[in-house]
Amino acid sequence: MNLIKSTGTFSFFTIISRLLGYLRDILIAIFLGTGFLADAFFVAFRIPNTFRRLFAEGTFNAAFVPSYSTELTKGKKKSNKFANEVFNILFLSLLVLVLVIEIFMPIFVSLIAPGFVNDKEKISLAIDLTRITFPFLLLISLASFFSAILNSHNRFAEAAAAPIFLNIILIIILTLSKLFDDKLVYYLSYGVTIAGFLQLIFLYFFVKKNFKLHINFQFKINNKIKIFFNKLLPSIFASGVAQINILVGTIIASFQASAVSYLYYADRIYQINLAIAGIAIGVVILPQLSKYVNQKSKKKIDLIQNKALELSLFLSLPASIALLIGSNEIISALFGYGQFDKLSVSNSAKALYFFSLGLPAFAMIKVFSNFFFANHDTKTPFYISLASVLLNIFISVYYFNIIGFVIIPIATSVSSWFNLILLFLVMRKRKLFSFNNIFINRFFKIIFASILMGIFFKYLILFFQKELSFDYSYKSIYLILSVFLGLLFYLFISYFIKAFKLQDIKLRY
C-alpha cells in the first residue's frame, strides 16, 4: 500500500464533500443565520451528523477492520460469514434503537438540548425536526458497515465519496428555498434522511464484489461476535472523542441563545483539516497496521506508525496556525452574508480560534488510537477518552456561566491535548511506538516551515485587509487566493528544507 497515495485518494473525495458542505452551510447561513430556526435545525442535524462522523469517519473501522482482516486470512467464506453476522445484529439493534427513540423523542431532545426546554416553540420544532432526521442513524450506520468492508480491501474512494450525497441534496433544497418559505427547515430535515438512504444504496452497489449480503435474524452470537461487539462501543467512544466533545458542547451551548449556531459554523471550518490530517490517515493505515500486527512485523509497524504521525503533523500544524491567525477573516469570507451579521462572524470566529488550538491534537488522536485498535485493544483508548470527556464537561460547566459559550471550544481543545498526552505515555510505557530518526529530523523542520507559513499568511491578510473586510462583496475570492498562496509557500519551504521529499509519494508500506 502507498500511504500517501491512498490518503490522497480518500482526502480528494473528502475535500470535495467538505467543499460542498461549505457551500451548503453558506446557504444555511444566508437563509437561516444564527437565530431561532437555525438553532432548532442544528440540534436536529447534530444528532445524525454526530453519528455519521462517529460511524463513517473511521470509528466503526476501528473495531471491525482488525477483526474482519483476521477472518480474511482464513478465507472468503469465513470472512463473509463473520461480516453477515455483524450486519444482522447491527441492523436489528439499530432498528430497535431508532424506533424507541422516535417514541420517546421529546425526552431525548430535552436531554440533548436542555436549554430549549423553557422555550416551548423552539423545543417543539427541535422535536419535530429530530424525528425526521433520526432514521439517518440507521441508514448511515449500515452504510458505514459497507465502507469498512471496502476499506479492509484497500478500497477507499467509494467510502470517501458517499457523504457527497448529503451535501448535494441539501444544496438543492436550499437553492429552492423560496418555494418552501418557513417550511425550509422541514425539507432540509427530510433531505438528511433521503441522503442516508442514497448513501446506503450507493455503497452496497460497490461492496457486492467483496461481500455477499444475507439478511437472516436467526443468527447465533458466537464468541467472535461477542468479542467484536465488546470492542465496538469502546472503539466508537475512543475514536470519536472529538465528536463526542462537540455533542457535549452542543448540550451545554443550548442554554445560550445562538451559541449552538456559533459552534456549528466554527466546527465546520476546522473539520476539513481534521478529515484529512486525522481521519483519512487513520482510516488508511488501520487495515495495513492490522495486517502487520497479525504478521508480527515490528519493522513495518514502526515504519508506518512514524510515517502516519509525520503526515498528520505535516497537514495539521500549518492549518492550526493559519486558523489562529485568520479566524475572523475566514468566518467572514465563508459565512458573512445575508442573515449572518457581524456579531455572528465575531462569535463564530472566537469559537474557531479556540478550536484551532486543539487541531493537531484532534488529528493525532485519530492516528494514535489506531495503534491500539490494530492490536485489538479498544479498552485503553476508551478509558483515556472517557477521562478526556469528563475533563471537558467539568471545564465547560464550571466556567460556562462566567465566560459563556467560548469556554466550550477552550475545554474541547484542552481535553484533546490531555487525551493525546495520555495515549502517548501509555504507548511509550507498553513499547507500542518508538520514534525513528527520520521523524525526529522532520518534526523540527515541519514546525519551522509552519511558523514561516504563518508569518507569510499574516502578511497576506494584512495586504488584503480591505478586500477581506465584512462589507466587501468578493471577500471569499481573496480568502481563497490567500489560502492558496499560503499553501504554495508552505510546500515550497517544506521541500526546500527537506521536511518533505518527492520520493515519499512513491514509498509503499
Protein backbone atom coordinates (compact mmCIF):
# COMPACT_ATOMS: atom_id res chain seq x y z
CA MET A 1 0.00 0.00 0.00
CA ASN A 2 1.15 3.52 -0.82
CA LEU A 3 0.24 5.55 2.27
CA ILE A 4 0.35 8.99 0.65
CA LYS A 5 -1.47 7.86 -2.49
CA SER A 6 -4.22 6.10 -0.51
CA THR A 7 -4.54 9.05 1.85
CA GLY A 8 -4.65 11.35 -1.16
CA THR A 9 -7.49 9.34 -2.73
CA PHE A 10 -9.51 9.38 0.48
CA SER A 11 -8.70 13.05 1.04
CA PHE A 12 -9.68 14.08 -2.50
CA PHE A 13 -13.26 12.88 -2.15
CA THR A 14 -13.38 14.11 1.44
CA ILE A 15 -12.33 17.59 0.31
CA ILE A 16 -14.98 17.56 -2.44
CA SER A 17 -17.57 16.59 0.16
CA ARG A 18 -16.39 19.24 2.63
CA LEU A 19 -16.31 21.98 -0.03
CA LEU A 20 -19.88 21.11 -0.96
CA GLY A 21 -20.58 21.12 2.77
CA TYR A 22 -19.25 24.67 2.99
CA LEU A 23 -21.47 25.73 0.13
CA ARG A 24 -24.37 24.10 1.96
CA ASP A 25 -23.52 25.94 5.19
CA ILE A 26 -23.05 29.26 3.39
CA LEU A 27 -26.59 28.89 2.05
CA ILE A 28 -27.86 27.91 5.52
CA ALA A 29 -26.11 30.98 6.96
CA ILE A 30 -27.75 33.19 4.33
CA PHE A 31 -31.28 31.83 4.78
CA LEU A 32 -31.28 30.89 8.48
CA GLY A 33 -28.42 32.86 10.07
CA THR A 34 -27.89 32.10 13.76
CA GLY A 35 -31.41 32.60 15.05
CA PHE A 36 -34.34 30.53 16.27
CA LEU A 37 -34.78 28.30 13.18
CA ALA A 38 -31.03 27.72 12.83
CA ASP A 39 -30.62 26.59 16.44
CA ALA A 40 -33.53 24.12 16.16
CA PHE A 41 -32.29 22.68 12.87
CA PHE A 42 -28.67 22.36 14.05
CA VAL A 43 -29.78 20.40 17.12
CA ALA A 44 -31.82 18.08 14.89
CA PHE A 45 -28.92 17.84 12.43
CA ARG A 46 -26.26 17.47 15.11
CA ILE A 47 -27.55 14.08 16.25
CA PRO A 48 -27.44 12.22 12.90
CA ASN A 49 -24.37 14.18 11.83
CA THR A 50 -22.54 13.18 15.01
CA PHE A 51 -23.39 9.54 14.38
CA ARG A 52 -22.34 9.95 10.75
CA ARG A 53 -18.95 11.13 11.91
CA LEU A 54 -18.77 8.51 14.64
CA PHE A 55 -19.55 5.61 12.31
CA ALA A 56 -18.47 6.82 8.87
CA GLU A 57 -15.21 8.55 9.72
CA GLY A 58 -13.18 5.68 10.99
CA THR A 59 -14.68 4.74 14.34
CA PHE A 60 -16.61 1.70 13.12
CA ASN A 61 -13.45 0.74 11.23
CA ALA A 62 -11.55 0.73 14.49
CA ALA A 63 -13.42 -2.33 15.77
CA PHE A 64 -14.42 -4.01 12.52
CA VAL A 65 -11.31 -3.85 10.31
CA PRO A 66 -8.87 -5.70 12.66
CA SER A 67 -11.45 -8.46 13.29
CA TYR A 68 -12.51 -8.72 9.65
CA SER A 69 -8.86 -8.69 8.47
CA THR A 70 -8.14 -11.64 10.77
CA GLU A 71 -11.07 -13.56 9.22
CA LEU A 72 -9.88 -12.68 5.70
CA THR A 73 -6.66 -14.57 6.36
CA LYS A 74 -8.83 -17.70 6.91
CA GLY A 75 -10.63 -17.38 3.56
CA LYS A 76 -13.51 -15.53 1.89
CA LYS A 77 -16.19 -17.92 3.19
CA LYS A 78 -15.32 -17.32 6.85
CA SER A 79 -14.89 -13.55 6.45
CA ASN A 80 -18.27 -13.34 4.66
CA LYS A 81 -19.97 -15.38 7.42
CA PHE A 82 -18.48 -13.11 10.11
CA ALA A 83 -19.49 -9.93 8.25
CA ASN A 84 -23.08 -11.13 7.76
CA GLU A 85 -23.43 -11.98 11.44
CA VAL A 86 -22.22 -8.49 12.36
CA PHE A 87 -24.53 -6.85 9.81
CA ASN A 88 -27.66 -8.66 11.02
CA ILE A 89 -27.06 -7.88 14.68
CA LEU A 90 -26.20 -4.27 13.84
CA PHE A 91 -29.30 -3.86 11.66
CA LEU A 92 -31.69 -5.32 14.24
CA SER A 93 -30.17 -3.43 17.18
CA LEU A 94 -30.20 -0.06 15.41
CA LEU A 95 -33.73 -0.58 14.11
CA VAL A 96 -34.98 -1.16 17.65
CA LEU A 97 -32.99 1.83 18.93
CA VAL A 98 -34.40 4.17 16.27
CA LEU A 99 -37.99 3.04 16.95
CA VAL A 100 -37.59 3.51 20.72
CA ILE A 101 -36.03 6.98 20.35
CA GLU A 102 -38.77 8.02 17.91
CA ILE A 103 -41.39 7.11 20.52
CA PHE A 104 -39.60 8.95 23.31
CA MET A 105 -38.27 11.82 21.16
CA PRO A 106 -39.48 14.66 23.49
CA ILE A 107 -37.43 13.22 26.34
CA PHE A 108 -34.45 12.60 24.04
CA VAL A 109 -34.37 16.16 22.66
CA SER A 110 -34.75 17.59 26.16
CA LEU A 111 -31.59 15.71 27.12
CA ILE A 112 -29.69 16.83 24.02
CA ALA A 113 -30.80 20.47 24.18
CA PRO A 114 -31.90 21.12 27.79
CA GLY A 115 -31.58 24.87 27.23
CA PHE A 116 -34.55 24.71 24.82
CA VAL A 117 -36.97 23.31 27.40
CA ASN A 118 -38.18 26.72 28.61
CA ASP A 119 -38.92 27.84 25.04
CA LYS A 120 -41.97 25.78 24.01
CA GLU A 121 -41.89 26.81 20.35
CA LYS A 122 -38.18 26.10 19.99
CA ILE A 123 -38.28 22.70 21.75
CA SER A 124 -41.37 21.67 19.77
CA LEU A 125 -39.67 22.50 16.47
CA ALA A 126 -36.47 20.69 17.50
CA ILE A 127 -38.51 17.57 18.40
CA ASP A 128 -40.32 17.59 15.04
CA LEU A 129 -37.10 18.02 13.06
CA THR A 130 -35.17 15.39 15.02
CA ARG A 131 -37.97 12.88 14.42
CA ILE A 132 -37.48 13.40 10.71
CA THR A 133 -33.68 13.19 10.74
CA PHE A 134 -33.19 10.38 13.26
CA PRO A 135 -33.69 7.42 10.83
CA PHE A 136 -30.46 8.67 9.26
CA LEU A 137 -28.70 6.96 12.17
CA LEU A 138 -29.79 3.51 10.99
CA LEU A 139 -29.03 4.20 7.33
CA ILE A 140 -25.59 5.77 7.85
CA SER A 141 -24.52 3.07 10.30
CA LEU A 142 -25.26 0.33 7.76
CA ALA A 143 -23.57 2.40 5.07
CA SER A 144 -20.52 2.65 7.33
CA PHE A 145 -20.50 -1.13 7.65
CA PHE A 146 -20.19 -1.38 3.86
CA SER A 147 -17.47 1.29 3.94
CA ALA A 148 -15.49 -0.71 6.50
CA ILE A 149 -15.55 -3.78 4.24
CA LEU A 150 -14.35 -1.70 1.28
CA ASN A 151 -11.59 -0.14 3.40
CA SER A 152 -10.49 -3.61 4.54
CA HIS A 153 -9.88 -4.42 0.88
CA ASN A 154 -7.92 -1.15 0.45
CA ARG A 155 -10.77 0.47 -1.50
CA PHE A 156 -11.08 3.98 -0.04
CA ALA A 157 -12.54 6.12 -2.84
CA GLU A 158 -16.14 4.84 -2.68
CA ALA A 159 -16.43 5.24 1.09
CA ALA A 160 -14.99 8.75 0.95
CA ALA A 161 -17.30 9.77 -1.91
CA ALA A 162 -20.57 8.60 -0.32
CA PRO A 163 -21.12 11.66 2.00
CA ILE A 164 -21.29 13.87 -1.09
CA PHE A 165 -24.93 12.81 -1.48
CA LEU A 166 -25.91 14.60 1.74
CA ASN A 167 -24.44 17.91 0.69
CA ILE A 168 -25.80 17.81 -2.87
CA ILE A 169 -29.35 17.12 -1.67
CA LEU A 170 -29.28 19.87 0.96
CA ILE A 171 -27.79 22.35 -1.54
CA ILE A 172 -30.61 21.59 -4.00
CA ILE A 173 -33.21 22.17 -1.26
CA LEU A 174 -31.54 25.44 -0.20
CA THR A 175 -31.36 26.77 -3.76
CA LEU A 176 -35.13 26.19 -3.97
CA SER A 177 -35.71 27.81 -0.57
CA LYS A 178 -38.14 30.41 -1.90
CA LEU A 179 -40.57 27.60 -2.69
CA PHE A 180 -40.54 26.37 0.93
CA ASP A 181 -40.58 29.65 2.95
CA ASP A 182 -40.97 28.87 6.68
CA LYS A 183 -41.06 25.11 5.92
CA LEU A 184 -37.43 25.16 4.75
CA VAL A 185 -36.09 23.52 7.94
CA TYR A 186 -38.55 20.65 7.50
CA TYR A 187 -37.47 19.98 3.92
CA LEU A 188 -33.82 20.15 4.98
CA SER A 189 -34.54 17.52 7.62
CA TYR A 190 -36.24 15.22 5.09
CA GLY A 191 -33.23 15.76 2.83
CA VAL A 192 -30.90 14.41 5.54
CA THR A 193 -32.79 11.11 5.77
CA ILE A 194 -33.12 10.73 1.99
CA ALA A 195 -29.36 11.28 1.66
CA GLY A 196 -28.70 8.48 4.16
CA PHE A 197 -30.76 6.08 2.06
CA LEU A 198 -28.91 7.04 -1.14
CA GLN A 199 -25.52 6.58 0.54
CA LEU A 200 -26.54 3.09 1.64
CA ILE A 201 -27.63 2.08 -1.87
CA PHE A 202 -24.50 3.64 -3.43
CA LEU A 203 -22.08 1.73 -1.18
CA TYR A 204 -23.97 -1.55 -1.48
CA PHE A 205 -23.50 -1.37 -5.26
CA PHE A 206 -19.70 -1.36 -4.82
CA VAL A 207 -19.41 -3.72 -1.85
CA LYS A 208 -21.15 -6.60 -3.67
CA LYS A 209 -17.84 -7.60 -5.27
CA ASN A 210 -16.24 -8.30 -1.88
CA PHE A 211 -19.25 -9.18 0.24
CA LYS A 212 -22.44 -11.17 -0.35
CA LEU A 213 -25.21 -9.86 1.90
CA HIS A 214 -27.53 -12.39 3.52
CA ILE A 215 -30.16 -10.96 5.87
CA ASN A 216 -31.12 -13.53 8.48
CA PHE A 217 -32.20 -12.76 12.02
CA GLN A 218 -31.87 -16.39 13.13
CA PHE A 219 -28.23 -15.87 13.97
CA LYS A 220 -26.07 -17.31 16.70
CA ILE A 221 -23.97 -14.99 18.80
CA ASN A 222 -20.71 -16.91 18.86
CA ASN A 223 -17.51 -15.98 20.65
CA LYS A 224 -16.10 -14.00 17.69
CA ILE A 225 -19.22 -11.83 17.54
CA LYS A 226 -19.17 -11.29 21.30
CA ILE A 227 -15.55 -10.15 21.11
CA PHE A 228 -16.32 -7.79 18.23
CA PHE A 229 -19.28 -6.08 19.88
CA ASN A 230 -17.38 -5.85 23.16
CA LYS A 231 -14.81 -3.84 21.20
CA LEU A 232 -17.31 -1.80 19.19
CA LEU A 233 -18.70 0.61 21.78
CA PRO A 234 -15.30 1.38 23.38
CA SER A 235 -13.79 1.97 19.92
CA ILE A 236 -16.63 4.29 18.88
CA PHE A 237 -16.22 6.30 22.06
CA ALA A 238 -12.41 6.36 21.86
CA SER A 239 -12.02 7.11 18.17
CA GLY A 240 -14.91 9.56 18.11
CA VAL A 241 -13.93 11.55 21.20
CA ALA A 242 -13.71 14.81 19.18
CA GLN A 243 -17.30 14.35 18.01
CA ILE A 244 -18.49 13.39 21.48
CA ASN A 245 -16.89 16.55 22.86
CA ILE A 246 -18.73 18.59 20.21
CA LEU A 247 -22.01 16.91 21.16
CA VAL A 248 -21.34 17.70 24.82
CA GLY A 249 -20.62 21.27 23.76
CA THR A 250 -23.94 21.47 21.91
CA ILE A 251 -25.84 20.32 25.00
CA ILE A 252 -24.20 22.99 27.17
CA ALA A 253 -24.41 25.69 24.48
CA SER A 254 -28.19 25.23 24.21
CA PHE A 255 -28.50 27.39 27.35
CA GLN A 256 -27.23 30.46 25.47
CA ALA A 257 -29.12 31.97 22.51
CA SER A 258 -27.43 31.34 19.13
CA ALA A 259 -24.44 29.60 20.77
CA VAL A 260 -25.31 26.27 19.10
CA SER A 261 -25.09 28.01 15.72
CA TYR A 262 -21.78 29.73 16.53
CA LEU A 263 -20.21 26.41 17.46
CA TYR A 264 -21.65 24.68 14.42
CA TYR A 265 -20.13 27.12 11.92
CA ALA A 266 -16.74 27.08 13.66
CA ASP A 267 -16.80 23.29 13.78
CA ARG A 268 -17.39 23.16 10.04
CA ILE A 269 -14.13 25.01 9.33
CA TYR A 270 -11.63 23.02 11.35
CA GLN A 271 -13.27 19.70 10.47
CA ILE A 272 -12.00 19.83 6.88
CA ASN A 273 -8.39 19.63 8.01
CA LEU A 274 -9.21 17.08 10.67
CA ALA A 275 -10.79 14.93 7.97
CA ILE A 276 -7.50 14.90 6.04
CA ALA A 277 -4.85 15.08 8.77
CA GLY A 278 -6.52 12.65 11.16
CA ILE A 279 -9.48 10.74 9.79
CA ALA A 280 -8.11 9.98 6.30
CA ILE A 281 -4.73 8.84 7.61
CA GLY A 282 -6.34 6.82 10.41
CA VAL A 283 -8.73 5.04 8.04
CA VAL A 284 -5.98 4.28 5.52
CA ILE A 285 -3.35 2.92 7.93
CA LEU A 286 -5.63 0.68 10.01
CA PRO A 287 -6.00 -2.23 7.52
CA GLN A 288 -2.26 -2.26 6.86
CA LEU A 289 -1.35 -1.93 10.55
CA SER A 290 -3.72 -4.79 11.40
CA LYS A 291 -2.07 -6.93 8.72
CA TYR A 292 1.44 -6.24 10.06
CA VAL A 293 0.32 -6.88 13.65
CA ASN A 294 -1.03 -10.28 12.61
CA GLN A 295 2.30 -10.95 10.87
CA LYS A 296 4.23 -9.61 13.89
CA SER A 297 6.33 -7.47 11.54
CA LYS A 298 7.79 -4.98 14.05
CA LYS A 299 9.92 -3.14 11.48
CA LYS A 300 6.98 -2.41 9.17
CA ILE A 301 4.74 -1.46 12.10
CA ASP A 302 7.27 1.13 13.30
CA LEU A 303 7.73 2.46 9.77
CA ILE A 304 4.02 3.03 9.07
CA GLN A 305 3.38 4.45 12.55
CA ASN A 306 6.12 7.06 12.19
CA LYS A 307 5.10 7.99 8.67
CA ALA A 308 1.43 8.33 9.69
CA LEU A 309 2.33 10.60 12.60
CA GLU A 310 4.67 12.66 10.41
CA LEU A 311 2.00 13.10 7.73
CA SER A 312 -0.61 14.04 10.34
CA LEU A 313 1.62 16.78 11.78
CA PHE A 314 2.64 17.97 8.31
CA LEU A 315 -1.02 18.62 7.49
CA SER A 316 -2.49 19.72 10.84
CA LEU A 317 0.16 22.06 12.28
CA PRO A 318 0.18 24.70 9.47
CA ALA A 319 -3.61 24.54 9.31
CA SER A 320 -3.84 25.21 13.04
CA ILE A 321 -1.55 28.25 12.73
CA ALA A 322 -3.49 29.60 9.73
CA LEU A 323 -6.82 29.27 11.57
CA LEU A 324 -5.41 31.05 14.63
CA ILE A 325 -4.18 33.95 12.51
CA GLY A 326 -7.16 34.33 10.20
CA SER A 327 -10.17 33.01 12.15
CA ASN A 328 -12.21 36.22 11.78
CA GLU A 329 -11.42 36.68 8.09
CA ILE A 330 -12.14 33.02 7.34
CA ILE A 331 -15.56 33.02 9.04
CA SER A 332 -16.45 36.37 7.45
CA ALA A 333 -15.45 35.32 3.94
CA LEU A 334 -17.22 31.96 4.09
CA PHE A 335 -20.41 32.77 6.00
CA GLY A 336 -20.69 36.57 6.34
CA TYR A 337 -23.72 37.07 4.08
CA GLY A 338 -27.48 37.58 4.40
CA GLN A 339 -28.74 36.83 7.93
CA PHE A 340 -25.19 36.10 9.14
CA ASP A 341 -24.26 39.52 10.58
CA LYS A 342 -21.06 40.96 12.12
CA LEU A 343 -21.95 39.66 15.60
CA SER A 344 -22.38 36.16 14.20
CA VAL A 345 -18.99 36.45 12.46
CA SER A 346 -17.26 37.69 15.61
CA ASN A 347 -18.66 34.98 17.91
CA SER A 348 -18.16 32.13 15.42
CA ALA A 349 -14.57 33.34 14.87
CA LYS A 350 -13.91 33.23 18.63
CA ALA A 351 -15.07 29.61 18.69
CA LEU A 352 -12.93 28.76 15.66
CA TYR A 353 -9.84 30.38 17.24
CA PHE A 354 -10.00 28.15 20.31
CA PHE A 355 -10.97 25.02 18.35
CA SER A 356 -7.88 25.53 16.17
CA LEU A 357 -5.61 25.35 19.24
CA GLY A 358 -6.59 21.71 19.56
CA LEU A 359 -6.46 20.78 15.87
CA PRO A 360 -3.06 18.97 15.92
CA ALA A 361 -4.23 17.03 18.98
CA PHE A 362 -7.55 16.10 17.32
CA ALA A 363 -5.67 14.80 14.28
CA MET A 364 -3.01 12.84 16.18
CA ILE A 365 -5.60 11.21 18.47
CA LYS A 366 -7.12 9.64 15.34
CA VAL A 367 -3.70 8.27 14.40
CA PHE A 368 -2.59 7.20 17.89
CA SER A 369 -5.89 5.43 18.65
CA ASN A 370 -5.40 3.19 15.61
CA PHE A 371 -2.09 1.98 17.05
CA PHE A 372 -4.14 0.44 19.88
CA PHE A 373 -7.01 -0.75 17.65
CA ALA A 374 -4.62 -2.61 15.33
CA ASN A 375 -3.51 -4.53 18.44
CA HIS A 376 -7.15 -5.37 19.25
CA ASP A 377 -7.07 -3.04 22.26
CA THR A 378 -10.12 -0.78 22.43
CA LYS A 379 -10.35 -0.53 26.23
CA THR A 380 -7.25 1.63 26.80
CA PRO A 381 -8.21 4.44 24.39
CA PHE A 382 -11.78 4.14 25.71
CA TYR A 383 -10.75 4.82 29.33
CA ILE A 384 -8.46 7.65 28.24
CA SER A 385 -11.23 9.18 26.11
CA LEU A 386 -13.69 8.87 28.98
CA ALA A 387 -11.31 10.80 31.24
CA SER A 388 -10.93 13.40 28.48
CA VAL A 389 -14.70 13.84 28.06
CA LEU A 390 -15.20 14.16 31.83
CA LEU A 391 -12.49 16.84 31.92
CA ASN A 392 -14.23 18.63 29.04
CA ILE A 393 -17.59 18.55 30.83
CA PHE A 394 -16.08 19.79 34.10
CA ILE A 395 -14.32 22.78 32.49
CA SER A 396 -17.32 23.67 30.30
CA VAL A 397 -19.92 23.51 33.08
CA TYR A 398 -17.74 25.21 35.71
CA TYR A 399 -16.86 28.23 33.56
CA PHE A 400 -19.93 28.48 31.26
CA ASN A 401 -21.78 30.99 33.43
CA ILE A 402 -18.61 33.08 33.73
CA ILE A 403 -17.44 33.44 30.12
CA GLY A 404 -20.25 31.89 28.07
CA PHE A 405 -20.07 29.65 25.00
CA VAL A 406 -16.36 30.40 24.35
CA ILE A 407 -15.43 28.00 27.15
CA ILE A 408 -16.74 25.10 25.08
CA PRO A 409 -14.05 25.21 22.33
CA ILE A 410 -11.45 26.00 25.02
CA ALA A 411 -12.46 22.94 27.04
CA THR A 412 -12.58 20.79 23.89
CA SER A 413 -9.02 21.74 22.94
CA VAL A 414 -7.64 21.33 26.48
CA SER A 415 -9.24 17.91 26.91
CA SER A 416 -7.98 16.79 23.48
CA TRP A 417 -4.36 17.60 24.35
CA PHE A 418 -4.91 15.79 27.65
CA ASN A 419 -6.21 12.77 25.70
CA LEU A 420 -3.24 12.82 23.32
CA ILE A 421 -0.63 13.04 26.08
CA LEU A 422 -2.15 10.08 27.94
CA LEU A 423 -2.28 7.98 24.76
CA PHE A 424 1.37 8.77 24.05
CA LEU A 425 2.50 7.96 27.60
CA VAL A 426 0.73 4.60 27.59
CA MET A 427 2.15 3.72 24.17
CA ARG A 428 5.66 4.54 25.31
CA LYS A 429 5.23 2.54 28.51
CA ARG A 430 3.97 -0.52 26.58
CA LYS A 431 6.58 -0.05 23.85
CA LEU A 432 3.89 0.14 21.16
CA PHE A 433 5.61 3.07 19.49
CA SER A 434 9.11 4.47 19.10
CA PHE A 435 10.30 7.48 17.13
CA ASN A 436 12.67 6.81 14.24
CA ASN A 437 15.40 9.23 13.17
CA ILE A 438 13.53 10.36 10.05
CA PHE A 439 10.54 11.50 12.09
CA ILE A 440 12.65 13.32 14.69
CA ASN A 441 14.55 15.14 11.95
CA ARG A 442 11.42 16.17 10.07
CA PHE A 443 9.46 17.11 13.21
CA PHE A 444 11.52 20.27 13.79
CA LYS A 445 11.52 21.09 10.07
CA ILE A 446 7.71 20.88 9.97
CA ILE A 447 7.48 23.28 12.93
CA PHE A 448 9.89 25.71 11.24
CA ALA A 449 8.04 25.58 7.90
CA SER A 450 4.68 26.07 9.67
CA ILE A 451 5.92 29.17 11.54
CA LEU A 452 7.26 30.73 8.32
CA MET A 453 3.95 29.97 6.60
CA GLY A 454 2.10 31.65 9.47
CA ILE A 455 4.17 34.83 9.09
CA PHE A 456 3.54 34.85 5.35
CA PHE A 457 -0.20 34.20 5.81
CA LYS A 458 -0.45 37.06 8.32
CA TYR A 459 1.20 39.35 5.75
CA LEU A 460 -1.35 38.28 3.11
CA ILE A 461 -4.27 39.05 5.45
CA LEU A 462 -2.88 42.50 6.19
CA PHE A 463 -2.17 43.09 2.48
CA PHE A 464 -5.76 42.18 1.54
CA GLN A 465 -7.26 43.81 4.63
CA LYS A 466 -9.74 45.93 2.65
CA GLU A 467 -10.74 43.07 0.35
CA LEU A 468 -11.28 40.71 3.31
CA SER A 469 -13.46 43.16 5.27
CA PHE A 470 -17.05 42.16 6.16
CA ASP A 471 -18.72 44.54 3.71
CA TYR A 472 -16.62 43.63 0.66
CA SER A 473 -18.70 41.59 -1.80
CA TYR A 474 -15.91 39.39 -3.21
CA LYS A 475 -14.05 38.66 0.04
CA SER A 476 -14.28 34.89 -0.47
CA ILE A 477 -12.18 35.16 -3.65
CA TYR A 478 -9.38 36.92 -1.76
CA LEU A 479 -9.57 34.38 1.05
CA ILE A 480 -9.16 31.52 -1.44
CA LEU A 481 -6.24 33.38 -3.04
CA SER A 482 -4.59 33.94 0.36
CA VAL A 483 -5.02 30.29 1.37
CA PHE A 484 -3.69 29.09 -1.99
CA LEU A 485 -0.61 31.32 -1.80
CA GLY A 486 -0.03 30.32 1.82
CA LEU A 487 -0.24 26.64 0.87
CA LEU A 488 2.19 27.07 -2.03
CA PHE A 489 4.62 28.91 0.24
CA TYR A 490 4.40 26.14 2.86
CA LEU A 491 5.01 23.38 0.31
CA PHE A 492 7.95 25.31 -1.20
CA ILE A 493 9.60 25.89 2.20
CA SER A 494 8.95 22.28 3.23
CA TYR A 495 10.56 20.98 0.06
CA PHE A 496 13.48 23.43 0.33
CA ILE A 497 14.37 22.44 3.93
CA LYS A 498 13.54 18.76 3.21
CA ALA A 499 10.60 18.48 5.58
CA PHE A 500 9.01 16.72 2.62
CA LYS A 501 10.56 14.80 -0.28
CA LEU A 502 9.05 13.81 -3.61
CA GLN A 503 10.26 10.24 -3.05
CA ASP A 504 7.79 9.99 -0.16
CA ILE A 505 4.93 9.88 -2.68
CA LYS A 506 6.30 6.67 -4.23
CA LEU A 507 7.05 4.82 -0.99
CA ARG A 508 4.98 1.72 -0.20
CA TYR A 509 4.29 0.42 3.28
